[in-house]
Amino acid sequence: MTPMDPAPLRRDLVRAASLAALAPALPVAAQPAAAPAAAPTLRVNGAVHDLAGLDPRTTLLDWLRERLDLTGAKKGCNEGACGACTVLLDGRRVNACLVLAATLDGRSVTTVEGLARADGTLHPVQQAFIDHDAFQCGYCTPGQVVSAVACITEGHAGSEAEIREWMSGNLCRCAAYPQITAAVQDAAARMARGEA
């Protein structure tokens, strides 16, 4: 075991600070002014939005609902357990209630509102949910639909059991799980045929 260096004495610290304060300032070579940093932005459903001035504690869910009036993602449990707030972040599903909006500079978010085509044609998953009555009260449906899109694009829609496993993060209090599973299977087939 090697002996440790003795801790600096207070007077040594004061002396060093005093000498530093009394030392003449050295001339600094002129440097070009740095370009101002670009304002942080987030792309939502294809449109770019400014994040400047955002309270750093604001969740993505609250920002989407309160600032952009995109109310499809629902506030259910507000702790990432129910999946009602599921959105796609750079193509991957996330619970928007667990993500701070201020951390998403330069990223891309797709909400349920951004799934349909510009001409109003529904995404195959949205249409399949309607065709299979894959909802009852509808509160969880936007999160279920977004999660189903990800489930299919991730390649996890090969069987009923696989769909149930990969959709298990989205809860439905009405227990419409058989219809949801059928809708995901149907949408996967439609997307495989190129209907996306």
N, C-alpha and C. Protein backbone atom coordinates (compact mmCIF):
# COMPACT_ATOMS: atom_id res chain seq x y z
N MET A 1 0.85 -1.18 0.00
CA MET A 1 0.00 0.00 0.00
C MET A 1 0.90 1.24 0.00
N THR A 2 0.66 2.15 -0.91
CA THR A 2 1.50 3.36 -0.99
C THR A 2 0.87 4.46 -0.17
N PRO A 3 1.71 5.25 0.48
CA PRO A 3 1.14 6.35 1.26
C PRO A 3 0.50 7.37 0.33
N MET A 4 -0.59 7.93 0.77
CA MET A 4 -1.30 8.93 -0.02
C MET A 4 -0.66 10.29 0.17
N ASP A 5 -0.75 11.13 -0.86
CA ASP A 5 -0.25 12.50 -0.74
C ASP A 5 -1.07 13.23 0.30
N PRO A 6 -0.41 14.05 1.11
CA PRO A 6 -1.18 14.78 2.11
C PRO A 6 -2.14 15.75 1.41
N ALA A 7 -3.29 15.96 2.00
CA ALA A 7 -4.28 16.88 1.45
C ALA A 7 -3.71 18.30 1.48
N PRO A 8 -3.99 19.10 0.46
CA PRO A 8 -3.47 20.47 0.45
C PRO A 8 -4.07 21.27 1.62
N LEU A 9 -3.24 22.09 2.17
CA LEU A 9 -3.69 22.94 3.26
C LEU A 9 -4.51 24.09 2.70
N ARG A 10 -5.38 24.62 3.52
CA ARG A 10 -6.23 25.73 3.10
C ARG A 10 -5.39 26.89 2.63
N ARG A 11 -4.30 27.19 3.37
CA ARG A 11 -3.47 28.34 3.00
C ARG A 11 -2.82 28.14 1.64
N ASP A 12 -2.51 26.88 1.27
CA ASP A 12 -1.94 26.63 -0.06
C ASP A 12 -2.96 26.93 -1.15
N LEU A 13 -4.20 26.56 -0.90
CA LEU A 13 -5.25 26.84 -1.88
C LEU A 13 -5.50 28.33 -2.02
N VAL A 14 -5.52 29.05 -0.89
CA VAL A 14 -5.72 30.50 -0.93
C VAL A 14 -4.56 31.17 -1.67
N ARG A 15 -3.32 30.73 -1.39
CA ARG A 15 -2.14 31.30 -2.04
C ARG A 15 -2.21 31.08 -3.55
N ALA A 16 -2.57 29.87 -3.98
CA ALA A 16 -2.65 29.57 -5.40
C ALA A 16 -3.74 30.41 -6.08
N ALA A 17 -4.87 30.56 -5.40
CA ALA A 17 -5.95 31.36 -5.97
C ALA A 17 -5.55 32.82 -6.07
N SER A 18 -4.85 33.32 -5.08
CA SER A 18 -4.41 34.72 -5.09
C SER A 18 -3.42 34.97 -6.21
N LEU A 19 -2.47 34.07 -6.39
CA LEU A 19 -1.49 34.23 -7.46
C LEU A 19 -2.16 34.20 -8.83
N ALA A 20 -3.15 33.33 -8.97
CA ALA A 20 -3.85 33.25 -10.25
C ALA A 20 -4.61 34.53 -10.53
N ALA A 21 -5.19 35.14 -9.48
CA ALA A 21 -5.95 36.36 -9.66
C ALA A 21 -5.04 37.55 -9.97
N LEU A 22 -3.81 37.54 -9.43
CA LEU A 22 -2.89 38.66 -9.63
C LEU A 22 -2.08 38.54 -10.92
N ALA A 23 -2.04 37.37 -11.51
CA ALA A 23 -1.26 37.18 -12.72
C ALA A 23 -1.85 38.04 -13.83
N PRO A 24 -1.00 38.69 -14.62
CA PRO A 24 -1.53 39.51 -15.72
C PRO A 24 -2.23 38.61 -16.74
N ALA A 25 -3.30 39.14 -17.26
CA ALA A 25 -4.04 38.39 -18.28
C ALA A 25 -3.20 38.29 -19.53
N LEU A 26 -3.10 37.11 -20.06
CA LEU A 26 -2.34 36.92 -21.29
C LEU A 26 -3.22 37.30 -22.47
N PRO A 27 -2.62 37.95 -23.48
CA PRO A 27 -3.44 38.31 -24.64
C PRO A 27 -3.93 37.04 -25.35
N VAL A 28 -5.17 37.09 -25.77
CA VAL A 28 -5.77 35.96 -26.47
C VAL A 28 -5.83 36.31 -27.94
N ALA A 29 -5.35 35.40 -28.75
CA ALA A 29 -5.37 35.63 -30.20
C ALA A 29 -6.82 35.77 -30.65
N ALA A 30 -7.05 36.71 -31.54
CA ALA A 30 -8.41 36.91 -32.05
C ALA A 30 -8.86 35.66 -32.78
N GLN A 31 -10.02 35.21 -32.41
CA GLN A 31 -10.57 34.03 -33.05
C GLN A 31 -11.91 34.40 -33.67
N PRO A 32 -12.22 33.77 -34.76
CA PRO A 32 -13.51 34.09 -35.38
C PRO A 32 -14.64 33.72 -34.44
N ALA A 33 -15.67 34.52 -34.48
CA ALA A 33 -16.83 34.26 -33.62
C ALA A 33 -17.47 32.95 -34.05
N ALA A 34 -17.83 32.17 -33.07
CA ALA A 34 -18.48 30.89 -33.37
C ALA A 34 -19.88 31.16 -33.91
N ALA A 35 -20.26 30.34 -34.85
CA ALA A 35 -21.60 30.46 -35.40
C ALA A 35 -22.61 30.12 -34.32
N PRO A 36 -23.71 30.83 -34.26
CA PRO A 36 -24.71 30.50 -33.24
C PRO A 36 -25.23 29.08 -33.46
N ALA A 37 -25.45 28.40 -32.37
CA ALA A 37 -25.96 27.02 -32.45
C ALA A 37 -27.36 27.03 -33.05
N ALA A 38 -27.62 26.06 -33.87
CA ALA A 38 -28.95 25.96 -34.48
C ALA A 38 -29.97 25.63 -33.40
N ALA A 39 -31.14 26.17 -33.53
CA ALA A 39 -32.21 25.90 -32.56
C ALA A 39 -32.57 24.43 -32.63
N PRO A 40 -32.82 23.80 -31.49
CA PRO A 40 -33.19 22.39 -31.50
C PRO A 40 -34.56 22.20 -32.17
N THR A 41 -34.65 21.16 -32.97
CA THR A 41 -35.90 20.90 -33.68
C THR A 41 -36.26 19.42 -33.58
N LEU A 42 -37.52 19.14 -33.81
CA LEU A 42 -38.03 17.78 -33.81
C LEU A 42 -39.01 17.66 -34.97
N ARG A 43 -38.85 16.63 -35.77
CA ARG A 43 -39.77 16.39 -36.90
C ARG A 43 -40.91 15.50 -36.39
N VAL A 44 -42.13 15.98 -36.54
CA VAL A 44 -43.31 15.22 -36.12
C VAL A 44 -44.23 15.06 -37.32
N ASN A 45 -44.47 13.82 -37.69
CA ASN A 45 -45.33 13.51 -38.83
C ASN A 45 -44.90 14.28 -40.07
N GLY A 46 -43.60 14.45 -40.25
CA GLY A 46 -43.05 15.10 -41.42
C GLY A 46 -42.83 16.59 -41.30
N ALA A 47 -43.41 17.25 -40.32
CA ALA A 47 -43.26 18.69 -40.14
C ALA A 47 -42.22 18.97 -39.05
N VAL A 48 -41.37 19.97 -39.28
CA VAL A 48 -40.33 20.33 -38.33
C VAL A 48 -40.87 21.34 -37.33
N HIS A 49 -40.61 21.08 -36.05
CA HIS A 49 -41.08 21.95 -34.96
C HIS A 49 -39.89 22.38 -34.11
N ASP A 50 -39.93 23.62 -33.68
CA ASP A 50 -38.88 24.21 -32.86
C ASP A 50 -39.03 23.78 -31.40
N LEU A 51 -37.92 23.36 -30.79
CA LEU A 51 -37.94 22.97 -29.38
C LEU A 51 -37.34 24.04 -28.47
N ALA A 52 -36.93 25.17 -29.05
CA ALA A 52 -36.29 26.23 -28.25
C ALA A 52 -37.24 26.71 -27.16
N GLY A 53 -36.69 26.94 -25.99
CA GLY A 53 -37.47 27.47 -24.88
C GLY A 53 -38.34 26.45 -24.19
N LEU A 54 -38.24 25.21 -24.56
CA LEU A 54 -39.06 24.16 -23.97
C LEU A 54 -38.58 23.85 -22.56
N ASP A 55 -39.49 23.75 -21.63
CA ASP A 55 -39.15 23.34 -20.27
C ASP A 55 -38.53 21.95 -20.36
N PRO A 56 -37.33 21.76 -19.84
CA PRO A 56 -36.64 20.47 -20.00
C PRO A 56 -37.36 19.31 -19.32
N ARG A 57 -38.33 19.59 -18.48
CA ARG A 57 -39.07 18.53 -17.80
C ARG A 57 -40.29 18.06 -18.58
N THR A 58 -40.57 18.67 -19.72
CA THR A 58 -41.76 18.35 -20.50
C THR A 58 -41.58 17.02 -21.22
N THR A 59 -42.52 16.12 -21.01
CA THR A 59 -42.45 14.84 -21.72
C THR A 59 -42.89 15.01 -23.17
N LEU A 60 -42.47 14.09 -23.99
CA LEU A 60 -42.89 14.10 -25.38
C LEU A 60 -44.40 14.03 -25.47
N LEU A 61 -45.03 13.22 -24.62
CA LEU A 61 -46.49 13.10 -24.63
C LEU A 61 -47.16 14.44 -24.36
N ASP A 62 -46.72 15.14 -23.32
CA ASP A 62 -47.33 16.43 -23.00
C ASP A 62 -47.07 17.45 -24.11
N TRP A 63 -45.87 17.44 -24.67
CA TRP A 63 -45.55 18.38 -25.75
C TRP A 63 -46.42 18.12 -26.97
N LEU A 64 -46.59 16.85 -27.34
CA LEU A 64 -47.44 16.52 -28.49
C LEU A 64 -48.88 16.96 -28.25
N ARG A 65 -49.40 16.68 -27.07
CA ARG A 65 -50.80 16.97 -26.78
C ARG A 65 -51.05 18.46 -26.55
N GLU A 66 -50.18 19.10 -25.78
CA GLU A 66 -50.44 20.49 -25.37
C GLU A 66 -49.90 21.53 -26.34
N ARG A 67 -48.79 21.27 -26.97
CA ARG A 67 -48.21 22.25 -27.89
C ARG A 67 -48.65 22.06 -29.33
N LEU A 68 -48.74 20.78 -29.76
CA LEU A 68 -49.06 20.51 -31.16
C LEU A 68 -50.51 20.09 -31.37
N ASP A 69 -51.26 19.91 -30.29
CA ASP A 69 -52.65 19.50 -30.36
C ASP A 69 -52.82 18.15 -31.07
N LEU A 70 -51.81 17.28 -30.93
CA LEU A 70 -51.89 15.92 -31.44
C LEU A 70 -52.31 15.04 -30.26
N THR A 71 -53.60 14.81 -30.16
CA THR A 71 -54.15 14.15 -28.97
C THR A 71 -54.40 12.66 -29.15
N GLY A 72 -53.90 12.09 -30.25
CA GLY A 72 -54.07 10.66 -30.46
C GLY A 72 -53.38 9.85 -29.38
N ALA A 73 -52.14 10.17 -29.09
CA ALA A 73 -51.43 9.48 -28.01
C ALA A 73 -52.09 9.88 -26.69
N LYS A 74 -52.51 8.90 -25.93
CA LYS A 74 -53.27 9.17 -24.71
C LYS A 74 -52.40 9.08 -23.46
N LYS A 75 -52.78 9.84 -22.44
CA LYS A 75 -52.13 9.74 -21.15
C LYS A 75 -52.94 8.75 -20.32
N GLY A 76 -52.40 7.55 -20.18
CA GLY A 76 -53.08 6.51 -19.41
C GLY A 76 -52.48 6.44 -18.02
N CYS A 77 -51.43 5.66 -17.89
CA CYS A 77 -50.81 5.46 -16.58
C CYS A 77 -49.76 6.52 -16.26
N ASN A 78 -49.19 7.13 -17.29
CA ASN A 78 -48.12 8.14 -17.17
C ASN A 78 -46.86 7.57 -16.52
N GLU A 79 -46.68 6.25 -16.63
CA GLU A 79 -45.46 5.64 -16.12
C GLU A 79 -44.96 4.50 -17.01
N GLY A 80 -45.40 4.47 -18.26
CA GLY A 80 -44.89 3.51 -19.23
C GLY A 80 -45.42 2.10 -19.11
N ALA A 81 -46.53 1.91 -18.41
CA ALA A 81 -47.04 0.56 -18.20
C ALA A 81 -48.18 0.17 -19.12
N CYS A 82 -48.91 1.15 -19.68
CA CYS A 82 -50.13 0.79 -20.41
C CYS A 82 -49.99 0.87 -21.93
N GLY A 83 -49.07 1.66 -22.45
CA GLY A 83 -48.87 1.76 -23.89
C GLY A 83 -49.83 2.68 -24.61
N ALA A 84 -50.73 3.36 -23.90
CA ALA A 84 -51.69 4.25 -24.56
C ALA A 84 -51.01 5.41 -25.27
N CYS A 85 -49.79 5.74 -24.87
CA CYS A 85 -49.08 6.89 -25.45
C CYS A 85 -48.03 6.47 -26.48
N THR A 86 -48.10 5.25 -26.99
CA THR A 86 -47.08 4.75 -27.91
C THR A 86 -47.00 5.60 -29.18
N VAL A 87 -45.77 6.00 -29.52
CA VAL A 87 -45.47 6.69 -30.78
C VAL A 87 -44.22 6.03 -31.36
N LEU A 88 -43.92 6.37 -32.60
CA LEU A 88 -42.70 5.87 -33.23
C LEU A 88 -41.64 6.97 -33.15
N LEU A 89 -40.49 6.65 -32.61
CA LEU A 89 -39.36 7.57 -32.54
C LEU A 89 -38.28 6.99 -33.44
N ASP A 90 -38.02 7.68 -34.55
CA ASP A 90 -37.09 7.18 -35.57
C ASP A 90 -37.46 5.75 -35.97
N GLY A 91 -38.77 5.49 -36.07
CA GLY A 91 -39.26 4.20 -36.52
C GLY A 91 -39.41 3.14 -35.44
N ARG A 92 -38.99 3.43 -34.23
CA ARG A 92 -39.09 2.46 -33.14
C ARG A 92 -40.14 2.92 -32.15
N ARG A 93 -40.91 2.00 -31.62
CA ARG A 93 -41.97 2.38 -30.69
C ARG A 93 -41.40 2.74 -29.33
N VAL A 94 -41.96 3.81 -28.78
CA VAL A 94 -41.59 4.26 -27.44
C VAL A 94 -42.85 4.74 -26.72
N ASN A 95 -42.78 4.74 -25.40
CA ASN A 95 -43.84 5.32 -24.60
C ASN A 95 -43.53 6.81 -24.46
N ALA A 96 -44.35 7.65 -25.05
CA ALA A 96 -44.08 9.09 -25.07
C ALA A 96 -44.10 9.70 -23.69
N CYS A 97 -44.73 9.04 -22.72
CA CYS A 97 -44.78 9.59 -21.37
C CYS A 97 -43.44 9.44 -20.65
N LEU A 98 -42.53 8.62 -21.20
CA LEU A 98 -41.24 8.38 -20.55
C LEU A 98 -40.08 9.11 -21.22
N VAL A 99 -40.34 9.84 -22.29
CA VAL A 99 -39.28 10.50 -23.05
C VAL A 99 -39.40 12.01 -22.87
N LEU A 100 -38.29 12.65 -22.57
CA LEU A 100 -38.29 14.11 -22.45
C LEU A 100 -38.13 14.72 -23.83
N ALA A 101 -39.03 15.60 -24.18
CA ALA A 101 -39.03 16.21 -25.52
C ALA A 101 -37.74 16.95 -25.81
N ALA A 102 -37.17 17.59 -24.80
CA ALA A 102 -35.96 18.39 -25.01
C ALA A 102 -34.75 17.55 -25.42
N THR A 103 -34.82 16.23 -25.24
CA THR A 103 -33.69 15.36 -25.59
C THR A 103 -33.76 14.87 -27.03
N LEU A 104 -34.73 15.33 -27.80
CA LEU A 104 -34.99 14.74 -29.11
C LEU A 104 -34.56 15.60 -30.29
N ASP A 105 -33.64 16.52 -30.08
CA ASP A 105 -33.18 17.39 -31.16
C ASP A 105 -32.72 16.56 -32.36
N GLY A 106 -33.29 16.88 -33.52
CA GLY A 106 -32.91 16.22 -34.76
C GLY A 106 -33.57 14.87 -34.99
N ARG A 107 -34.46 14.46 -34.12
CA ARG A 107 -35.09 13.15 -34.25
C ARG A 107 -36.42 13.28 -35.00
N SER A 108 -37.05 12.14 -35.24
CA SER A 108 -38.31 12.10 -35.99
C SER A 108 -39.34 11.27 -35.23
N VAL A 109 -40.54 11.82 -35.07
CA VAL A 109 -41.63 11.15 -34.36
C VAL A 109 -42.81 10.98 -35.31
N THR A 110 -43.42 9.80 -35.24
CA THR A 110 -44.66 9.56 -35.97
C THR A 110 -45.72 9.19 -34.95
N THR A 111 -46.82 9.91 -34.97
CA THR A 111 -47.96 9.62 -34.09
C THR A 111 -49.03 8.91 -34.92
N VAL A 112 -50.10 8.50 -34.29
CA VAL A 112 -51.18 7.85 -35.01
C VAL A 112 -51.75 8.78 -36.08
N GLU A 113 -51.71 10.08 -35.82
CA GLU A 113 -52.22 11.04 -36.82
C GLU A 113 -51.37 11.07 -38.08
N GLY A 114 -50.13 10.64 -38.00
CA GLY A 114 -49.22 10.67 -39.14
C GLY A 114 -49.16 9.39 -39.94
N LEU A 115 -49.99 8.40 -39.61
CA LEU A 115 -49.93 7.12 -40.32
C LEU A 115 -50.69 7.13 -41.64
N ALA A 116 -51.81 7.81 -41.70
CA ALA A 116 -52.60 7.84 -42.92
C ALA A 116 -51.86 8.63 -44.00
N ARG A 117 -52.16 8.32 -45.25
CA ARG A 117 -51.54 9.05 -46.36
C ARG A 117 -52.14 10.44 -46.49
N ALA A 118 -51.46 11.30 -47.20
CA ALA A 118 -51.90 12.69 -47.36
C ALA A 118 -53.28 12.77 -48.02
N ASP A 119 -53.62 11.78 -48.86
CA ASP A 119 -54.93 11.81 -49.53
C ASP A 119 -56.06 11.29 -48.63
N GLY A 120 -55.71 10.94 -47.38
CA GLY A 120 -56.72 10.47 -46.44
C GLY A 120 -56.87 8.96 -46.38
N THR A 121 -56.18 8.24 -47.26
CA THR A 121 -56.24 6.79 -47.22
C THR A 121 -55.60 6.29 -45.93
N LEU A 122 -56.32 5.46 -45.21
CA LEU A 122 -55.82 4.95 -43.95
C LEU A 122 -54.65 3.99 -44.16
N HIS A 123 -53.78 3.95 -43.17
CA HIS A 123 -52.71 2.95 -43.14
C HIS A 123 -53.37 1.58 -43.06
N PRO A 124 -52.77 0.53 -43.63
CA PRO A 124 -53.38 -0.80 -43.56
C PRO A 124 -53.71 -1.26 -42.14
N VAL A 125 -52.90 -0.86 -41.16
CA VAL A 125 -53.20 -1.23 -39.77
C VAL A 125 -54.45 -0.51 -39.30
N GLN A 126 -54.58 0.75 -39.60
CA GLN A 126 -55.79 1.49 -39.20
C GLN A 126 -57.03 0.85 -39.83
N GLN A 127 -56.94 0.52 -41.12
CA GLN A 127 -58.08 -0.08 -41.80
C GLN A 127 -58.40 -1.45 -41.23
N ALA A 128 -57.38 -2.23 -40.91
CA ALA A 128 -57.61 -3.57 -40.34
C ALA A 128 -58.26 -3.47 -38.97
N PHE A 129 -57.89 -2.48 -38.17
CA PHE A 129 -58.53 -2.31 -36.86
C PHE A 129 -60.02 -2.01 -37.03
N ILE A 130 -60.37 -1.24 -38.03
CA ILE A 130 -61.79 -0.96 -38.30
C ILE A 130 -62.49 -2.23 -38.78
N ASP A 131 -61.87 -2.92 -39.74
CA ASP A 131 -62.48 -4.10 -40.33
C ASP A 131 -62.70 -5.22 -39.32
N HIS A 132 -61.86 -5.31 -38.31
CA HIS A 132 -61.94 -6.40 -37.33
C HIS A 132 -62.55 -5.95 -36.00
N ASP A 133 -63.09 -4.75 -35.96
CA ASP A 133 -63.64 -4.21 -34.70
C ASP A 133 -62.66 -4.40 -33.55
N ALA A 134 -61.43 -3.99 -33.78
CA ALA A 134 -60.35 -4.23 -32.82
C ALA A 134 -60.27 -3.14 -31.75
N PHE A 135 -61.43 -2.69 -31.33
CA PHE A 135 -61.50 -1.68 -30.27
C PHE A 135 -62.90 -1.71 -29.69
N GLN A 136 -63.02 -1.22 -28.48
CA GLN A 136 -64.35 -1.05 -27.89
C GLN A 136 -64.49 0.40 -27.44
N CYS A 137 -63.90 0.75 -26.30
CA CYS A 137 -64.01 2.16 -25.87
C CYS A 137 -63.12 3.05 -26.73
N GLY A 138 -62.04 2.50 -27.27
CA GLY A 138 -61.16 3.26 -28.16
C GLY A 138 -60.02 4.01 -27.50
N TYR A 139 -59.98 4.02 -26.18
CA TYR A 139 -58.94 4.82 -25.50
C TYR A 139 -57.54 4.31 -25.82
N CYS A 140 -57.35 3.01 -25.84
CA CYS A 140 -56.02 2.45 -26.10
C CYS A 140 -55.71 2.32 -27.58
N THR A 141 -56.72 2.51 -28.43
CA THR A 141 -56.58 2.20 -29.85
C THR A 141 -55.44 2.93 -30.55
N PRO A 142 -55.23 4.24 -30.36
CA PRO A 142 -54.12 4.88 -31.05
C PRO A 142 -52.77 4.23 -30.70
N GLY A 143 -52.54 3.95 -29.43
CA GLY A 143 -51.30 3.29 -29.03
C GLY A 143 -51.21 1.89 -29.58
N GLN A 144 -52.33 1.17 -29.60
CA GLN A 144 -52.36 -0.18 -30.16
C GLN A 144 -52.00 -0.14 -31.65
N VAL A 145 -52.57 0.81 -32.38
CA VAL A 145 -52.33 0.91 -33.82
C VAL A 145 -50.86 1.21 -34.10
N VAL A 146 -50.31 2.18 -33.39
CA VAL A 146 -48.89 2.54 -33.61
C VAL A 146 -48.00 1.36 -33.24
N SER A 147 -48.30 0.70 -32.15
CA SER A 147 -47.50 -0.45 -31.75
C SER A 147 -47.63 -1.59 -32.77
N ALA A 148 -48.81 -1.76 -33.33
CA ALA A 148 -49.02 -2.80 -34.35
C ALA A 148 -48.20 -2.52 -35.60
N VAL A 149 -48.13 -1.25 -36.00
CA VAL A 149 -47.29 -0.88 -37.15
C VAL A 149 -45.85 -1.31 -36.88
N ALA A 150 -45.36 -0.99 -35.70
CA ALA A 150 -43.99 -1.36 -35.35
C ALA A 150 -43.83 -2.88 -35.27
N CYS A 151 -44.79 -3.55 -34.67
CA CYS A 151 -44.74 -5.01 -34.55
C CYS A 151 -44.57 -5.66 -35.92
N ILE A 152 -45.31 -5.15 -36.89
CA ILE A 152 -45.24 -5.71 -38.25
C ILE A 152 -43.91 -5.36 -38.91
N THR A 153 -43.52 -4.10 -38.85
CA THR A 153 -42.27 -3.69 -39.53
C THR A 153 -41.04 -4.30 -38.86
N GLU A 154 -41.13 -4.63 -37.58
CA GLU A 154 -40.03 -5.30 -36.89
C GLU A 154 -39.97 -6.78 -37.22
N GLY A 155 -41.00 -7.31 -37.89
CA GLY A 155 -41.02 -8.72 -38.26
C GLY A 155 -41.52 -9.64 -37.17
N HIS A 156 -42.41 -9.12 -36.30
CA HIS A 156 -42.92 -9.92 -35.18
C HIS A 156 -44.40 -10.26 -35.32
N ALA A 157 -44.85 -10.44 -36.55
CA ALA A 157 -46.27 -10.74 -36.77
C ALA A 157 -46.45 -12.08 -37.46
N GLY A 158 -45.56 -13.03 -37.17
CA GLY A 158 -45.59 -14.32 -37.84
C GLY A 158 -46.67 -15.27 -37.36
N SER A 159 -47.12 -15.10 -36.14
CA SER A 159 -48.14 -15.99 -35.60
C SER A 159 -48.94 -15.23 -34.55
N GLU A 160 -50.09 -15.81 -34.16
CA GLU A 160 -50.90 -15.19 -33.11
C GLU A 160 -50.11 -15.05 -31.82
N ALA A 161 -49.37 -16.10 -31.46
CA ALA A 161 -48.60 -16.07 -30.22
C ALA A 161 -47.52 -14.99 -30.27
N GLU A 162 -46.86 -14.87 -31.41
CA GLU A 162 -45.83 -13.85 -31.54
C GLU A 162 -46.43 -12.44 -31.46
N ILE A 163 -47.56 -12.24 -32.09
CA ILE A 163 -48.23 -10.93 -32.05
C ILE A 163 -48.61 -10.60 -30.61
N ARG A 164 -49.22 -11.56 -29.93
CA ARG A 164 -49.61 -11.32 -28.53
C ARG A 164 -48.40 -10.96 -27.68
N GLU A 165 -47.30 -11.65 -27.90
CA GLU A 165 -46.07 -11.36 -27.12
C GLU A 165 -45.56 -9.95 -27.40
N TRP A 166 -45.46 -9.58 -28.67
CA TRP A 166 -44.86 -8.30 -29.04
C TRP A 166 -45.82 -7.12 -28.90
N MET A 167 -47.09 -7.40 -28.69
CA MET A 167 -48.07 -6.34 -28.43
C MET A 167 -48.41 -6.27 -26.95
N SER A 168 -47.74 -7.05 -26.12
CA SER A 168 -48.10 -7.15 -24.70
C SER A 168 -47.85 -5.88 -23.91
N GLY A 169 -47.11 -4.94 -24.46
CA GLY A 169 -46.88 -3.67 -23.77
C GLY A 169 -48.04 -2.69 -23.91
N ASN A 170 -49.04 -3.08 -24.68
CA ASN A 170 -50.22 -2.24 -24.88
C ASN A 170 -51.43 -2.93 -24.27
N LEU A 171 -51.97 -2.31 -23.23
CA LEU A 171 -53.09 -2.90 -22.51
C LEU A 171 -54.43 -2.39 -23.03
N CYS A 172 -55.42 -3.29 -23.02
CA CYS A 172 -56.78 -2.94 -23.43
C CYS A 172 -57.70 -3.35 -22.29
N ARG A 173 -58.26 -2.38 -21.60
CA ARG A 173 -59.15 -2.69 -20.47
C ARG A 173 -60.43 -3.38 -20.94
N CYS A 174 -60.79 -3.16 -22.19
CA CYS A 174 -62.00 -3.78 -22.72
C CYS A 174 -61.75 -5.23 -23.17
N ALA A 175 -60.49 -5.65 -23.19
CA ALA A 175 -60.10 -7.02 -23.56
C ALA A 175 -60.45 -7.36 -25.00
N ALA A 176 -60.15 -6.47 -25.92
CA ALA A 176 -60.38 -6.73 -27.34
C ALA A 176 -59.19 -7.43 -27.98
N TYR A 177 -58.45 -8.17 -27.21
CA TYR A 177 -57.21 -8.78 -27.70
C TYR A 177 -57.40 -9.73 -28.88
N PRO A 178 -58.44 -10.58 -28.92
CA PRO A 178 -58.59 -11.44 -30.10
C PRO A 178 -58.78 -10.64 -31.39
N GLN A 179 -59.57 -9.57 -31.32
CA GLN A 179 -59.77 -8.73 -32.50
C GLN A 179 -58.50 -7.97 -32.87
N ILE A 180 -57.76 -7.52 -31.86
CA ILE A 180 -56.50 -6.81 -32.13
C ILE A 180 -55.52 -7.75 -32.82
N THR A 181 -55.41 -8.96 -32.33
CA THR A 181 -54.50 -9.94 -32.94
C THR A 181 -54.92 -10.23 -34.38
N ALA A 182 -56.20 -10.39 -34.62
CA ALA A 182 -56.69 -10.64 -35.98
C ALA A 182 -56.39 -9.44 -36.89
N ALA A 183 -56.56 -8.25 -36.35
CA ALA A 183 -56.29 -7.04 -37.14
C ALA A 183 -54.81 -6.95 -37.51
N VAL A 184 -53.94 -7.27 -36.58
CA VAL A 184 -52.50 -7.22 -36.85
C VAL A 184 -52.13 -8.26 -37.91
N GLN A 185 -52.69 -9.45 -37.81
CA GLN A 185 -52.42 -10.48 -38.82
C GLN A 185 -52.88 -10.02 -40.20
N ASP A 186 -54.08 -9.46 -40.26
CA ASP A 186 -54.63 -8.99 -41.53
C ASP A 186 -53.77 -7.86 -42.09
N ALA A 187 -53.40 -6.90 -41.24
CA ALA A 187 -52.58 -5.78 -41.70
C ALA A 187 -51.22 -6.24 -42.17
N ALA A 188 -50.65 -7.23 -41.49
CA ALA A 188 -49.34 -7.76 -41.92
C ALA A 188 -49.44 -8.33 -43.32
N ALA A 189 -50.54 -9.05 -43.59
CA ALA A 189 -50.75 -9.61 -44.93
C ALA A 189 -50.92 -8.51 -45.96
N ARG A 190 -51.68 -7.48 -45.61
CA ARG A 190 -51.88 -6.34 -46.52
C ARG A 190 -50.56 -5.64 -46.81
N MET A 191 -49.76 -5.43 -45.77
CA MET A 191 -48.47 -4.74 -45.96
C MET A 191 -47.51 -5.61 -46.77
N ALA A 192 -47.58 -6.93 -46.59
CA ALA A 192 -46.73 -7.84 -47.38
C ALA A 192 -47.10 -7.77 -48.86
N ARG A 193 -48.37 -7.48 -49.13
CA ARG A 193 -48.81 -7.32 -50.53
C ARG A 193 -48.50 -5.93 -51.07
N GLY A 194 -47.91 -5.08 -50.24
CA GLY A 194 -47.54 -3.74 -50.70
C GLY A 194 -48.61 -2.71 -50.55
N GLU A 195 -49.57 -2.92 -49.67
CA GLU A 195 -50.66 -1.97 -49.50
C GLU A 195 -50.31 -0.84 -48.53
N ALA A 196 -49.10 -0.83 -47.99
CA ALA A 196 -48.72 0.21 -47.01
C ALA A 196 -48.54 1.54 -47.68
